[in-house]
């Protein structure tokens, strides 16, 4: 297991390096110029050239990449080309919103998917199991944007239980107010992702219930539920963990939509604004951070597989 972790960590580092090259290169191919944003539409060519020189945009791309990579190695994602603010510091503030939002979405998705998916599998030939499966199909088809608007209409406009939009200016200084602001976004994000995960949980549990070792366990007198609990959940967890890793990556993408709907000052809103402003350094840091999170999730999923299934730890 130790040697596997060493090799897998080395592969993660190489993947991060390759991702950095791709992010840096592809962003340079996009149209737009931050110098034109700073100088304005009527800026003279000399003025634009001076701005580019001041920002270091006239340097060779290899030199720009080397400078950025050295900063990333030190934990410095650079400074905004528009206002000079630290990209890392601003991302840290935005992650105080996006991080709890994504975590809350995962919790909601698991609370919805695991018990309902297991119940649907155990009752697969009944009206209850069919109804849960049909409900999951509908949930997969529902756009997160539409669901968020419905939640606002019901729980904010009609009932007045929760705030419709925004996040406290002082952040988590008042944990109660901050948590209330994230309830509806987390539910909107978690329900749509939970519907997808529910289908995989049901499929995994149904497959395990028809396995030979579960039939043997039931032959000893155990009920289907107890046999599944004692002898089947670890096997069913393997595909679910894989899908959950993909869902975590999807949650980051879905968080961009949810942040726009609920006017949350998170990483998604920051990324959309910086793309519009052509602030290349900030966009570069934000995209690289999102890619790094996805790669780390993949790393953790692989490690979780090894911990769940002892057969994967056997020498080949």
Protein backbone atom coordinates (compact mmCIF):
# COMPACT_ATOMS: atom_id res chain seq x y z
CA UNK A 1 0.00 0.00 0.00
CA UNK A 2 2.87 2.37 0.79
CA UNK A 3 4.53 1.80 -2.58
CA UNK A 4 1.17 2.29 -4.29
CA UNK A 5 0.68 5.65 -2.53
CA UNK A 6 4.16 6.77 -3.57
CA UNK A 7 3.53 5.86 -7.23
CA UNK A 8 0.04 7.35 -7.22
CA UNK A 9 1.30 10.58 -5.62
CA UNK A 10 3.99 10.86 -8.28
CA UNK A 11 1.35 10.41 -10.99
CA UNK A 12 -0.75 13.12 -9.33
CA UNK A 13 2.18 15.54 -9.40
CA UNK A 14 2.83 14.81 -13.08
CA UNK A 15 -0.86 15.28 -13.85
CA UNK A 16 -0.86 18.64 -12.08
CA UNK A 17 2.18 19.72 -14.08
CA UNK A 18 0.53 18.69 -17.36
CA UNK A 19 -2.67 20.47 -16.33
CA UNK A 20 -0.68 23.63 -15.65
CA UNK A 21 0.81 23.56 -19.15
CA UNK A 22 -2.61 23.02 -20.75
CA UNK A 23 -4.32 25.74 -18.72
CA UNK A 24 -1.57 28.27 -19.45
CA UNK A 25 -1.41 27.43 -23.18
CA UNK A 26 -5.14 27.26 -23.89
CA UNK A 27 -5.91 30.52 -22.13
CA UNK A 28 -3.36 32.27 -24.37
CA UNK A 29 -5.31 31.09 -27.41
CA UNK A 30 -8.54 32.78 -26.30
CA UNK A 31 -9.49 36.13 -27.87
CA UNK A 32 -9.44 39.28 -25.76
CA UNK A 33 -6.83 41.48 -24.16
CA UNK A 34 -6.72 42.76 -20.60
CA UNK A 35 -4.75 45.77 -21.84
CA UNK A 36 -7.78 46.85 -23.89
CA UNK A 37 -9.97 46.43 -20.79
CA UNK A 38 -7.67 48.65 -18.72
CA UNK A 39 -6.98 51.23 -21.43
CA UNK A 40 -10.53 51.45 -22.75
CA UNK A 41 -11.95 51.19 -26.24
CA UNK A 42 -10.34 54.42 -27.44
CA UNK A 43 -6.85 53.77 -26.11
CA UNK A 44 -4.00 54.57 -28.49
CA UNK A 45 -1.73 51.72 -29.63
CA UNK A 46 1.16 53.28 -27.71
CA UNK A 47 -0.92 53.28 -24.54
CA UNK A 48 -1.87 49.60 -25.04
CA UNK A 49 1.76 48.68 -25.67
CA UNK A 50 2.81 50.44 -22.47
CA UNK A 51 0.15 48.57 -20.47
CA UNK A 52 1.25 45.23 -21.91
CA UNK A 53 4.86 45.99 -21.06
CA UNK A 54 3.90 47.01 -17.52
CA UNK A 55 1.98 43.75 -17.05
CA UNK A 56 4.74 41.65 -18.59
CA UNK A 57 2.56 40.52 -21.49
CA UNK A 58 5.25 41.41 -24.00
CA UNK A 59 7.62 38.80 -22.61
CA UNK A 60 8.03 35.41 -24.38
CA UNK A 61 5.38 32.84 -23.39
CA UNK A 62 8.03 30.46 -22.07
CA UNK A 63 9.29 33.15 -19.72
CA UNK A 64 5.76 34.00 -18.60
CA UNK A 65 5.01 30.32 -17.94
CA UNK A 66 8.24 29.79 -16.01
CA UNK A 67 7.46 32.79 -13.81
CA UNK A 68 3.90 31.58 -13.15
CA UNK A 69 5.03 28.00 -12.46
CA UNK A 70 7.64 29.18 -9.98
CA UNK A 71 4.95 31.13 -8.17
CA UNK A 72 2.58 28.13 -8.11
CA UNK A 73 5.37 25.99 -6.61
CA UNK A 74 5.59 28.55 -3.78
CA UNK A 75 1.80 28.63 -3.38
CA UNK A 76 1.54 32.01 -5.13
CA UNK A 77 -1.01 32.09 -7.97
CA UNK A 78 0.00 35.60 -9.00
CA UNK A 79 -1.72 38.98 -8.86
CA UNK A 80 -4.68 40.39 -10.72
CA UNK A 81 -3.75 42.31 -13.85
CA UNK A 82 -6.60 44.75 -13.20
CA UNK A 83 -6.19 45.76 -9.56
CA UNK A 84 -3.02 43.99 -8.35
CA UNK A 85 -4.82 41.95 -5.68
CA UNK A 86 -3.46 38.54 -4.69
CA UNK A 87 -5.22 35.76 -6.60
CA UNK A 88 -4.56 33.23 -3.84
CA UNK A 89 -5.92 35.50 -1.10
CA UNK A 90 -9.07 36.27 -3.08
CA UNK A 91 -9.60 32.61 -3.90
CA UNK A 92 -9.27 31.83 -0.21
CA UNK A 93 -12.10 34.26 0.57
CA UNK A 94 -14.30 32.89 -2.21
CA UNK A 95 -13.69 29.31 -1.11
CA UNK A 96 -15.29 30.18 2.22
CA UNK A 97 -18.53 30.21 0.23
CA UNK A 98 -17.89 27.61 -2.49
CA UNK A 99 -16.30 25.07 -0.13
CA UNK A 100 -19.26 24.82 2.29
CA UNK A 101 -21.64 24.98 -0.69
CA UNK A 102 -20.02 21.96 -2.37
CA UNK A 103 -19.73 20.08 0.94
CA UNK A 104 -23.38 20.75 1.74
CA UNK A 105 -24.38 19.60 -1.72
CA UNK A 106 -22.48 16.32 -1.21
CA UNK A 107 -24.21 15.75 2.15
CA UNK A 108 -27.66 16.38 0.64
CA UNK A 109 -26.87 14.11 -2.32
CA UNK A 110 -25.74 11.26 -0.04
CA UNK A 111 -28.70 11.66 2.32
CA UNK A 112 -31.04 11.41 -0.67
CA UNK A 113 -29.24 8.78 -2.74
CA UNK A 114 -27.99 6.15 -0.29
CA UNK A 115 -31.16 5.35 1.70
CA UNK A 116 -33.59 5.84 -1.20
CA UNK A 117 -31.37 3.95 -3.66
CA UNK A 118 -30.98 1.05 -1.21
CA UNK A 119 -34.71 1.01 -0.49
CA UNK A 120 -35.52 1.06 -4.21
CA UNK A 121 -33.20 -1.93 -4.72
CA UNK A 122 -34.70 -3.90 -1.85
CA UNK A 123 -38.21 -3.14 -3.17
CA UNK A 124 -37.30 -3.29 -6.85
CA UNK A 125 -40.36 -5.32 -7.82
CA UNK A 126 -42.88 -3.24 -5.88
CA UNK A 127 -44.70 0.00 -6.53
CA UNK A 128 -42.46 1.76 -3.99
CA UNK A 129 -39.25 0.78 -5.77
CA UNK A 130 -40.68 1.70 -9.16
CA UNK A 131 -41.88 5.06 -7.83
CA UNK A 132 -38.45 5.92 -6.39
CA UNK A 133 -36.76 4.99 -9.67
CA UNK A 134 -39.23 7.13 -11.63
CA UNK A 135 -38.68 10.03 -9.25
CA UNK A 136 -34.92 9.72 -9.76
CA UNK A 137 -35.41 9.84 -13.53
CA UNK A 138 -37.39 13.06 -13.16
CA UNK A 139 -34.72 14.50 -10.85
CA UNK A 140 -31.99 13.82 -13.40
CA UNK A 141 -33.96 15.76 -16.04
CA UNK A 142 -34.60 18.80 -13.80
CA UNK A 143 -32.14 21.67 -14.46
CA UNK A 144 -30.38 23.04 -11.39
CA UNK A 145 -31.29 26.58 -12.47
CA UNK A 146 -35.01 25.80 -12.56
CA UNK A 147 -34.93 23.90 -9.26
CA UNK A 148 -33.14 26.80 -7.57
CA UNK A 149 -35.77 29.27 -8.76
CA UNK A 150 -38.58 26.99 -7.52
CA UNK A 151 -36.95 26.68 -4.09
CA UNK A 152 -36.63 30.46 -3.87
CA UNK A 153 -40.28 30.92 -4.87
CA UNK A 154 -41.54 28.42 -2.28
CA UNK A 155 -39.27 28.83 0.74
CA UNK A 156 -38.28 32.49 0.38
CA UNK A 157 -41.08 34.32 -1.41
CA UNK A 158 -44.10 32.32 -0.24
CA UNK A 159 -43.05 31.00 3.17
CA UNK A 160 -40.29 33.49 4.05
CA UNK A 161 -38.28 30.87 5.91
CA UNK A 162 -34.93 31.39 4.23
CA UNK A 163 -33.13 34.23 2.40
CA UNK A 164 -33.59 34.24 -1.36
CA UNK A 165 -30.16 35.51 -2.37
CA UNK A 166 -26.88 36.87 -1.11
CA UNK A 167 -24.36 36.04 1.58
CA UNK A 168 -23.46 38.01 4.74
CA UNK A 169 -20.89 40.74 4.06
CA UNK A 170 -18.89 39.70 7.14
CA UNK A 171 -18.86 36.06 5.96
CA UNK A 172 -18.84 33.46 8.72
CA UNK A 173 -18.60 35.99 11.54
CA UNK A 174 -22.27 35.12 12.11
CA UNK A 175 -22.36 31.34 11.45
CA UNK A 176 -26.14 31.16 11.73
CA UNK A 177 -26.77 33.77 9.05
CA UNK A 178 -24.12 32.29 6.77
CA UNK A 179 -25.53 28.78 7.14
CA UNK A 180 -29.08 30.03 6.44
CA UNK A 181 -27.86 31.70 3.24
CA UNK A 182 -26.44 28.37 2.01
CA UNK A 183 -29.39 26.09 2.83
CA UNK A 184 -31.34 26.58 -0.41
CA UNK A 185 -28.22 26.54 -2.64
CA UNK A 186 -27.04 23.30 -1.03
CA UNK A 187 -30.45 21.69 -1.46
CA UNK A 188 -30.69 22.79 -5.11
CA UNK A 189 -27.21 21.47 -5.83
CA UNK A 190 -27.58 18.27 -3.80
CA UNK A 191 -31.00 17.19 -5.10
CA UNK A 192 -30.00 17.25 -8.76
CA UNK A 193 -26.73 15.41 -8.12
CA UNK A 194 -28.42 13.08 -5.64
CA UNK A 195 -30.90 11.96 -8.30
CA UNK A 196 -28.02 10.83 -10.51
CA UNK A 197 -26.25 9.09 -7.63
CA UNK A 198 -29.47 7.37 -6.53
CA UNK A 199 -29.69 5.46 -9.81
CA UNK A 200 -26.15 4.13 -9.39
CA UNK A 201 -26.76 3.18 -5.76
CA UNK A 202 -29.86 1.23 -6.76
CA UNK A 203 -28.03 -0.52 -9.61
CA UNK A 204 -25.06 -1.43 -7.39
CA UNK A 205 -27.26 -2.79 -4.59
CA UNK A 206 -29.42 -4.81 -7.01
CA UNK A 207 -26.26 -6.38 -8.45
CA UNK A 208 -25.01 -7.32 -5.00
CA UNK A 209 -28.38 -8.77 -3.94
CA UNK A 210 -28.15 -11.29 -6.79
CA UNK A 211 -24.58 -12.32 -5.94
CA UNK A 212 -23.89 -15.88 -4.80
CA UNK A 213 -22.50 -14.92 -1.39
CA UNK A 214 -25.70 -12.97 -0.61
CA UNK A 215 -27.81 -15.99 -1.56
CA UNK A 216 -25.70 -18.10 0.78
CA UNK A 217 -26.12 -15.56 3.58
CA UNK A 218 -29.87 -15.56 3.09
CA UNK A 219 -29.88 -19.36 3.15
CA UNK A 220 -28.60 -19.17 6.73
CA UNK A 221 -31.78 -17.34 7.71
CA UNK A 222 -30.83 -13.68 7.28
CA UNK A 223 -33.31 -11.30 5.72
CA UNK A 224 -32.36 -9.45 2.50
CA UNK A 225 -31.71 -6.23 4.40
CA UNK A 226 -29.60 -7.83 7.12
CA UNK A 227 -27.64 -9.91 4.61
CA UNK A 228 -26.95 -6.76 2.59
CA UNK A 229 -25.85 -4.87 5.69
CA UNK A 230 -23.46 -7.59 6.87
CA UNK A 231 -22.05 -8.93 3.62
CA UNK A 232 -22.94 -6.70 0.70
CA UNK A 233 -22.39 -3.02 1.38
CA UNK A 234 -18.63 -3.07 0.80
CA UNK A 235 -19.10 -4.62 -2.64
CA UNK A 236 -21.87 -2.17 -3.50
CA UNK A 237 -19.73 0.74 -2.32
CA UNK A 238 -17.05 0.28 -5.00
CA UNK A 239 -19.01 1.57 -8.03
CA UNK A 240 -20.79 4.12 -5.86
CA UNK A 241 -17.48 5.61 -4.70
CA UNK A 242 -16.35 5.91 -8.32
CA UNK A 243 -19.54 7.70 -9.34
CA UNK A 244 -19.37 9.87 -6.23
CA UNK A 245 -15.93 11.06 -7.31
CA UNK A 246 -17.33 12.08 -10.68
CA UNK A 247 -20.27 13.73 -8.95
CA UNK A 248 -17.93 15.79 -6.77
CA UNK A 249 -16.35 17.16 -9.93
CA UNK A 250 -19.82 17.85 -11.33
CA UNK A 251 -20.71 19.66 -8.11
CA UNK A 252 -17.94 22.17 -8.77
CA UNK A 253 -19.39 22.88 -12.22
CA UNK A 254 -22.93 23.00 -10.86
CA UNK A 255 -21.80 25.39 -8.13
CA UNK A 256 -21.10 28.02 -10.81
CA UNK A 257 -24.77 27.97 -11.85
CA UNK A 258 -26.07 27.89 -8.28
CA UNK A 259 -23.86 30.80 -7.24
CA UNK A 260 -25.27 32.90 -10.07
CA UNK A 261 -28.87 32.01 -9.18
CA UNK A 262 -28.45 32.78 -5.48
CA UNK A 263 -26.01 35.70 -5.95
CA UNK A 264 -23.31 34.02 -3.86
CA UNK A 265 -19.79 35.52 -3.93
CA UNK A 266 -18.03 32.24 -4.60
CA UNK A 267 -15.36 30.96 -6.97
CA UNK A 268 -17.89 30.45 -9.78
CA UNK A 269 -19.08 34.06 -9.72
CA UNK A 270 -15.48 35.22 -9.50
CA UNK A 271 -14.51 33.12 -12.52
CA UNK A 272 -17.37 34.43 -14.67
CA UNK A 273 -16.52 38.03 -13.80
CA UNK A 274 -12.80 37.58 -14.46
CA UNK A 275 -13.43 35.94 -17.84
CA UNK A 276 -15.52 38.96 -18.81
CA UNK A 277 -12.74 41.31 -17.66
CA UNK A 278 -10.05 39.28 -19.50
CA UNK A 279 -8.05 39.12 -16.28
CA UNK A 280 -5.86 36.29 -17.52
CA UNK A 281 -3.82 35.71 -14.38
CA UNK A 282 -6.88 35.35 -12.17
CA UNK A 283 -8.68 33.08 -14.64
CA UNK A 284 -5.51 31.01 -14.89
CA UNK A 285 -5.31 30.56 -11.13
CA UNK A 286 -9.02 29.78 -10.77
CA UNK A 287 -9.11 27.20 -13.56
CA UNK A 288 -5.91 25.55 -12.33
CA UNK A 289 -7.37 25.32 -8.83
CA UNK A 290 -10.55 23.65 -10.12
CA UNK A 291 -8.52 21.21 -12.23
CA UNK A 292 -6.29 20.43 -9.24
CA UNK A 293 -9.33 19.71 -7.06
CA UNK A 294 -10.70 17.29 -9.68
CA UNK A 295 -7.33 15.49 -9.90
CA UNK A 296 -7.07 15.22 -6.12
CA UNK A 297 -10.61 13.79 -5.99
CA UNK A 298 -9.55 11.13 -8.51
CA UNK A 299 -6.52 10.34 -6.33
CA UNK A 300 -8.71 9.96 -3.23
CA UNK A 301 -11.18 7.73 -5.10
CA UNK A 302 -8.36 5.39 -6.13
CA UNK A 303 -7.08 5.22 -2.55
CA UNK A 304 -10.62 4.59 -1.27
CA UNK A 305 -10.97 1.66 -3.69
CA UNK A 306 -7.82 0.09 -2.26
CA UNK A 307 -9.09 0.51 1.29
CA UNK A 308 -12.56 -0.89 0.55
CA UNK A 309 -11.53 -3.88 -1.59
CA UNK A 310 -8.66 -5.97 -0.14
CA UNK A 311 -8.28 -7.77 -3.49
CA UNK A 312 -6.82 -4.59 -5.02
CA UNK A 313 -4.03 -4.65 -2.43
CA UNK A 314 -2.88 -8.13 -3.41
CA UNK A 315 0.48 -8.25 -5.26
CA UNK A 316 0.26 -9.04 -8.96
